[in-house]
Amino acid sequence: MTQMNLLDWTPPAGCSLIPFPLARRVGKVRDVATKLLTKSTDRHVESYRNQVSDALINHLDRLGVPEHDQDEALGAFWTAVEIEVARLTYRGQRPGGAA
């Protein structure tokens, strides 16, 4: 009996990879949101955003995620980051002031 090399295995037809959703990676979302808040100019924000997007797309590419799914996952990730930025920005502020 010959032993099959693990790298020679290919998934059966019809199988698809389901990666953990980027938007649910709470640590990554919080880290990116926190770093975005430290950027002093729109140019710095855009540059950092592009770096993060490129890294996430490269990661999904290596996993074999189809391009249309990558776009959807990236959009959901940035929505989660925007929500976290808003949460961090308004944390501790209550409507009505110090009444």
Protein backbone atom coordinates (compact mmCIF):
# COMPACT_ATOMS: atom_id res chain seq x y z
CA MET A 1 0.00 0.00 0.00
CA THR A 2 1.42 3.40 -0.93
CA GLN A 3 1.05 6.33 1.37
CA MET A 4 -0.51 9.44 -0.13
CA ASN A 5 1.28 12.73 0.43
CA LEU A 6 -0.95 15.25 2.23
CA LEU A 7 -0.11 17.94 -0.34
CA ASP A 8 -1.33 15.68 -3.18
CA TRP A 9 -4.89 15.66 -1.81
CA THR A 10 -7.53 17.62 -3.66
CA PRO A 11 -11.03 18.18 -2.32
CA PRO A 12 -13.90 16.38 -4.03
CA ALA A 13 -15.86 18.32 -6.64
CA GLY A 14 -18.56 20.55 -5.18
CA CYS A 15 -16.68 21.23 -1.94
CA SER A 16 -16.03 24.79 -0.93
CA LEU A 17 -13.99 26.46 1.76
CA ILE A 18 -15.87 28.53 4.32
CA PRO A 19 -13.37 30.80 6.09
CA PHE A 20 -14.13 32.40 9.44
CA PRO A 21 -15.89 35.71 8.63
CA LEU A 22 -13.55 38.71 8.68
CA ALA A 23 -16.22 40.87 10.32
CA ARG A 24 -16.37 38.42 13.27
CA ARG A 25 -12.64 38.67 13.98
CA VAL A 26 -13.26 40.95 16.92
CA GLY A 27 -9.62 41.37 17.88
CA LYS A 28 -8.65 42.39 14.35
CA VAL A 29 -11.65 44.74 14.02
CA ARG A 30 -10.80 46.44 17.33
CA ASP A 31 -7.10 46.69 16.50
CA VAL A 32 -7.76 48.28 13.10
CA ALA A 33 -10.37 50.68 14.55
CA THR A 34 -8.00 51.75 17.32
CA LYS A 35 -5.17 52.35 14.86
CA LEU A 36 -7.45 54.30 12.51
CA LEU A 37 -8.30 56.66 15.35
CA THR A 38 -4.59 57.45 15.84
CA LYS A 39 -4.12 58.58 12.22
CA SER A 40 -3.80 62.35 11.99
CA THR A 41 -4.73 62.95 8.33
CA ASP A 42 -7.14 61.53 5.78
CA ARG A 43 -4.13 60.52 3.71
CA HIS A 44 -2.76 58.42 6.59
CA VAL A 45 -6.19 56.84 7.12
CA GLU A 46 -6.48 55.96 3.42
CA SER A 47 -2.97 54.52 3.32
CA TYR A 48 -3.58 52.36 6.40
CA ARG A 49 -6.96 51.26 5.06
CA ASN A 50 -5.34 50.20 1.77
CA GLN A 51 -2.61 48.26 3.62
CA VAL A 52 -5.18 46.38 5.71
CA SER A 53 -7.41 45.69 2.69
CA ASP A 54 -4.47 44.38 0.64
CA ALA A 55 -3.37 42.08 3.47
CA LEU A 56 -6.89 40.70 3.98
CA ILE A 57 -7.41 40.12 0.24
CA ASN A 58 -4.04 38.36 -0.01
CA HIS A 59 -5.04 36.15 2.93
CA LEU A 60 -8.38 35.25 1.35
CA ASP A 61 -6.63 34.66 -1.99
CA ARG A 62 -4.23 32.18 -0.39
CA LEU A 63 -7.22 30.36 1.10
CA GLY A 64 -8.78 30.09 -2.37
CA VAL A 65 -11.83 32.23 -1.62
CA PRO A 66 -13.54 33.37 -4.85
CA GLU A 67 -13.16 37.06 -5.71
CA HIS A 68 -16.85 37.93 -5.32
CA ASP A 69 -16.82 36.41 -1.82
CA GLN A 70 -13.63 38.33 -1.00
CA ASP A 71 -15.32 41.63 -1.87
CA GLU A 72 -18.31 40.78 0.30
CA ALA A 73 -16.14 39.73 3.24
CA LEU A 74 -14.00 42.87 2.95
CA GLY A 75 -17.07 45.11 2.87
CA ALA A 76 -18.49 43.43 5.98
CA PHE A 77 -15.12 43.80 7.72
CA TRP A 78 -14.95 47.56 7.05
CA THR A 79 -18.54 47.97 8.21
CA ALA A 80 -17.60 46.26 11.49
CA VAL A 81 -14.54 48.54 11.78
CA GLU A 82 -16.71 51.65 11.24
CA ILE A 83 -19.11 50.51 13.96
CA GLU A 84 -16.18 49.93 16.31
CA VAL A 85 -14.71 53.37 15.51
CA ALA A 86 -18.08 54.94 16.35
CA ARG A 87 -18.27 52.93 19.57
CA LEU A 88 -14.76 53.98 20.61
CA THR A 89 -15.38 57.60 19.66
CA TYR A 90 -18.62 57.96 21.63
CA ARG A 91 -17.78 55.64 24.53
CA GLY A 92 -18.65 57.25 27.83
CA GLN A 93 -20.75 60.00 26.29
CA ARG A 94 -24.37 60.00 27.37
CA PRO A 95 -27.19 62.05 25.89
CA GLY A 96 -28.29 64.90 28.13
CA GLY A 97 -24.86 65.80 29.43
CA ALA A 98 -24.14 65.59 33.15
CA ALA A 99 -27.73 66.02 34.27
